[in-house]
Amino acid sequence: LVLAGEHSFDPHLYAGASAQYVQGEYEEETLGSGTVLAGGTDKVFEFGLKGGIKVNEHLAFELNYRFENWDSDLAERESFTRNTVGAMVKATL
């Protein structure tokens, strides 16, 4: 499930948000080498925000934030939470 949207407040200022939920179910699997991978479930939730300024049609600056929560009961994968902040300069010819 993915939800996303972006809004322009005026010709130069915009903001957006997105959210995603994914659930994966995995069955036990035996590899050709004889290694057995246990089955389990991955649940992933992601949320993001962004905002930007369009200086002109060729140049824009953007800040973004993303939160990720991976909940896994697979033996080969650890659960984790991650926060990411970024800044971008967008230039086009």
C-alpha atoms as a PDB file:
ATOM      1  CA  LEU A   1       0.000   0.000   0.000  1.00  0.00           C
ATOM      2  CA  VAL A   2       1.468   3.356  -1.042  1.00  0.00           C
ATOM      3  CA  LEU A   3       0.084   6.842  -0.441  1.00  0.00           C
ATOM      4  CA  ALA A   4       1.834   9.928  -1.817  1.00  0.00           C
ATOM      5  CA  GLY A   5       1.054  13.523  -2.574  1.00  0.00           C
ATOM      6  CA  GLU A   6       2.671  16.821  -3.444  1.00  0.00           C
ATOM      7  CA  HIS A   7       1.317  20.351  -3.226  1.00  0.00           C
ATOM      8  CA  SER A   8       2.566  23.605  -4.756  1.00  0.00           C
ATOM      9  CA  PHE A   9       1.868  26.579  -2.479  1.00  0.00           C
ATOM     10  CA  ASP A  10       2.922  29.011  -5.201  1.00  0.00           C
ATOM     11  CA  PRO A  11       5.061  28.731  -8.352  1.00  0.00           C
ATOM     12  CA  HIS A  12       8.251  28.485  -6.252  1.00  0.00           C
ATOM     13  CA  LEU A  13       7.372  26.611  -3.043  1.00  0.00           C
ATOM     14  CA  TYR A  14       6.237  22.972  -2.790  1.00  0.00           C
ATOM     15  CA  ALA A  15       5.923  20.180  -0.210  1.00  0.00           C
ATOM     16  CA  GLY A  16       5.127  16.484  -0.321  1.00  0.00           C
ATOM     17  CA  ALA A  17       4.545  13.429   1.810  1.00  0.00           C
ATOM     18  CA  SER A  18       4.507   9.679   1.256  1.00  0.00           C
ATOM     19  CA  ALA A  19       3.760   6.557   3.270  1.00  0.00           C
ATOM     20  CA  GLN A  20       4.179   2.891   2.405  1.00  0.00           C
ATOM     21  CA  TYR A  21       3.401  -0.424   4.086  1.00  0.00           C
ATOM     22  CA  VAL A  22       4.661  -3.762   2.755  1.00  0.00           C
ATOM     23  CA  GLN A  23       4.320  -7.231   4.264  1.00  0.00           C
ATOM     24  CA  GLY A  24       6.215 -10.194   2.858  1.00  0.00           C
ATOM     25  CA  GLU A  25       5.604 -13.829   3.762  1.00  0.00           C
ATOM     26  CA  TYR A  26       8.449 -16.287   3.114  1.00  0.00           C
ATOM     27  CA  GLU A  27       8.329 -20.085   3.217  1.00  0.00           C
ATOM     28  CA  GLU A  28      11.218 -22.259   4.371  1.00  0.00           C
ATOM     29  CA  GLU A  29      13.613 -22.841   1.468  1.00  0.00           C
ATOM     30  CA  THR A  30      16.470 -25.289   0.899  1.00  0.00           C
ATOM     31  CA  LEU A  31      19.285 -24.025  -1.321  1.00  0.00           C
ATOM     32  CA  GLY A  32      21.217 -26.236  -3.753  1.00  0.00           C
ATOM     33  CA  SER A  33      24.091 -26.360  -1.253  1.00  0.00           C
ATOM     34  CA  GLY A  34      21.777 -27.918   1.339  1.00  0.00           C
ATOM     35  CA  THR A  35      21.512 -24.739   3.416  1.00  0.00           C
ATOM     36  CA  VAL A  36      18.031 -24.278   4.860  1.00  0.00           C
ATOM     37  CA  LEU A  37      16.586 -20.767   5.091  1.00  0.00           C
ATOM     38  CA  ALA A  38      13.802 -20.511   7.653  1.00  0.00           C
ATOM     39  CA  GLY A  39      10.531 -18.909   6.626  1.00  0.00           C
ATOM     40  CA  GLY A  40       8.988 -15.881   8.273  1.00  0.00           C
ATOM     41  CA  THR A  41       7.487 -12.458   7.813  1.00  0.00           C
ATOM     42  CA  ASP A  42       8.860  -8.999   6.982  1.00  0.00           C
ATOM     43  CA  LYS A  43       6.747  -5.938   7.808  1.00  0.00           C
ATOM     44  CA  VAL A  44       8.014  -2.615   6.476  1.00  0.00           C
ATOM     45  CA  PHE A  45       6.596   0.857   7.183  1.00  0.00           C
ATOM     46  CA  GLU A  46       8.091   3.956   5.565  1.00  0.00           C
ATOM     47  CA  PHE A  47       7.096   7.613   5.909  1.00  0.00           C
ATOM     48  CA  GLY A  48       8.627  10.603   4.173  1.00  0.00           C
ATOM     49  CA  LEU A  49       8.331  14.380   3.994  1.00  0.00           C
ATOM     50  CA  LYS A  50       9.918  16.800   1.568  1.00  0.00           C
ATOM     51  CA  GLY A  51       9.862  20.496   0.847  1.00  0.00           C
ATOM     52  CA  GLY A  52      11.502  22.581  -1.810  1.00  0.00           C
ATOM     53  CA  ILE A  53      12.035  25.914  -3.461  1.00  0.00           C
ATOM     54  CA  LYS A  54      12.110  26.323  -7.241  1.00  0.00           C
ATOM     55  CA  VAL A  55      14.468  29.212  -7.927  1.00  0.00           C
ATOM     56  CA  ASN A  56      13.656  29.110 -11.647  1.00  0.00           C
ATOM     57  CA  GLU A  57      12.831  26.472 -14.271  1.00  0.00           C
ATOM     58  CA  HIS A  58      16.424  25.177 -14.152  1.00  0.00           C
ATOM     59  CA  LEU A  59      17.295  25.239 -10.417  1.00  0.00           C
ATOM     60  CA  ALA A  60      15.599  23.942  -7.238  1.00  0.00           C
ATOM     61  CA  PHE A  61      16.632  23.138  -3.666  1.00  0.00           C
ATOM     62  CA  GLU A  62      14.942  20.367  -1.670  1.00  0.00           C
ATOM     63  CA  LEU A  63      15.082  19.032   1.910  1.00  0.00           C
ATOM     64  CA  ASN A  64      13.678  15.605   2.777  1.00  0.00           C
ATOM     65  CA  TYR A  65      13.162  13.290   5.740  1.00  0.00           C
ATOM     66  CA  ARG A  66      12.439   9.545   5.703  1.00  0.00           C
ATOM     67  CA  PHE A  67      11.525   7.196   8.561  1.00  0.00           C
ATOM     68  CA  GLU A  68      11.770   3.422   8.017  1.00  0.00           C
ATOM     69  CA  ASN A  69      10.727   0.629  10.383  1.00  0.00           C
ATOM     70  CA  TRP A  70      11.619  -2.922   9.284  1.00  0.00           C
ATOM     71  CA  ASP A  71      10.157  -5.626  11.531  1.00  0.00           C
ATOM     72  CA  SER A  72      11.437  -9.060  10.542  1.00  0.00           C
ATOM     73  CA  ASP A  73      11.227 -12.461  12.173  1.00  0.00           C
ATOM     74  CA  LEU A  74      13.544 -14.035   9.574  1.00  0.00           C
ATOM     75  CA  ALA A  75      16.687 -15.493  11.163  1.00  0.00           C
ATOM     76  CA  GLU A  76      18.896 -14.069   8.381  1.00  0.00           C
ATOM     77  CA  ARG A  77      17.577 -10.498   8.748  1.00  0.00           C
ATOM     78  CA  GLU A  78      17.572  -8.096  11.710  1.00  0.00           C
ATOM     79  CA  SER A  79      14.755  -5.677  12.470  1.00  0.00           C
ATOM     80  CA  PHE A  80      15.742  -2.020  12.463  1.00  0.00           C
ATOM     81  CA  THR A  81      14.535   1.578  12.495  1.00  0.00           C
ATOM     82  CA  ARG A  82      16.211   4.266  10.424  1.00  0.00           C
ATOM     83  CA  ASN A  83      15.822   8.047  10.151  1.00  0.00           C
ATOM     84  CA  THR A  84      17.346   9.752   7.108  1.00  0.00           C
ATOM     85  CA  VAL A  85      17.637  13.468   6.353  1.00  0.00           C
ATOM     86  CA  GLY A  86      18.789  14.749   2.977  1.00  0.00           C
ATOM     87  CA  ALA A  87      19.350  17.900   0.969  1.00  0.00           C
ATOM     88  CA  MET A  88      19.373  18.154  -2.822  1.00  0.00           C
ATOM     89  CA  VAL A  89      20.173  20.640  -5.495  1.00  0.00           C
ATOM     90  CA  LYS A  90      18.243  19.922  -8.704  1.00  0.00           C
ATOM     91  CA  ALA A  91      19.649  21.427 -11.883  1.00  0.00           C
ATOM     92  CA  THR A  92      18.339  20.914 -15.408  1.00  0.00           C
ATOM     93  CA  LEU A  93      19.514  22.202 -18.777  1.00  0.00           C
END
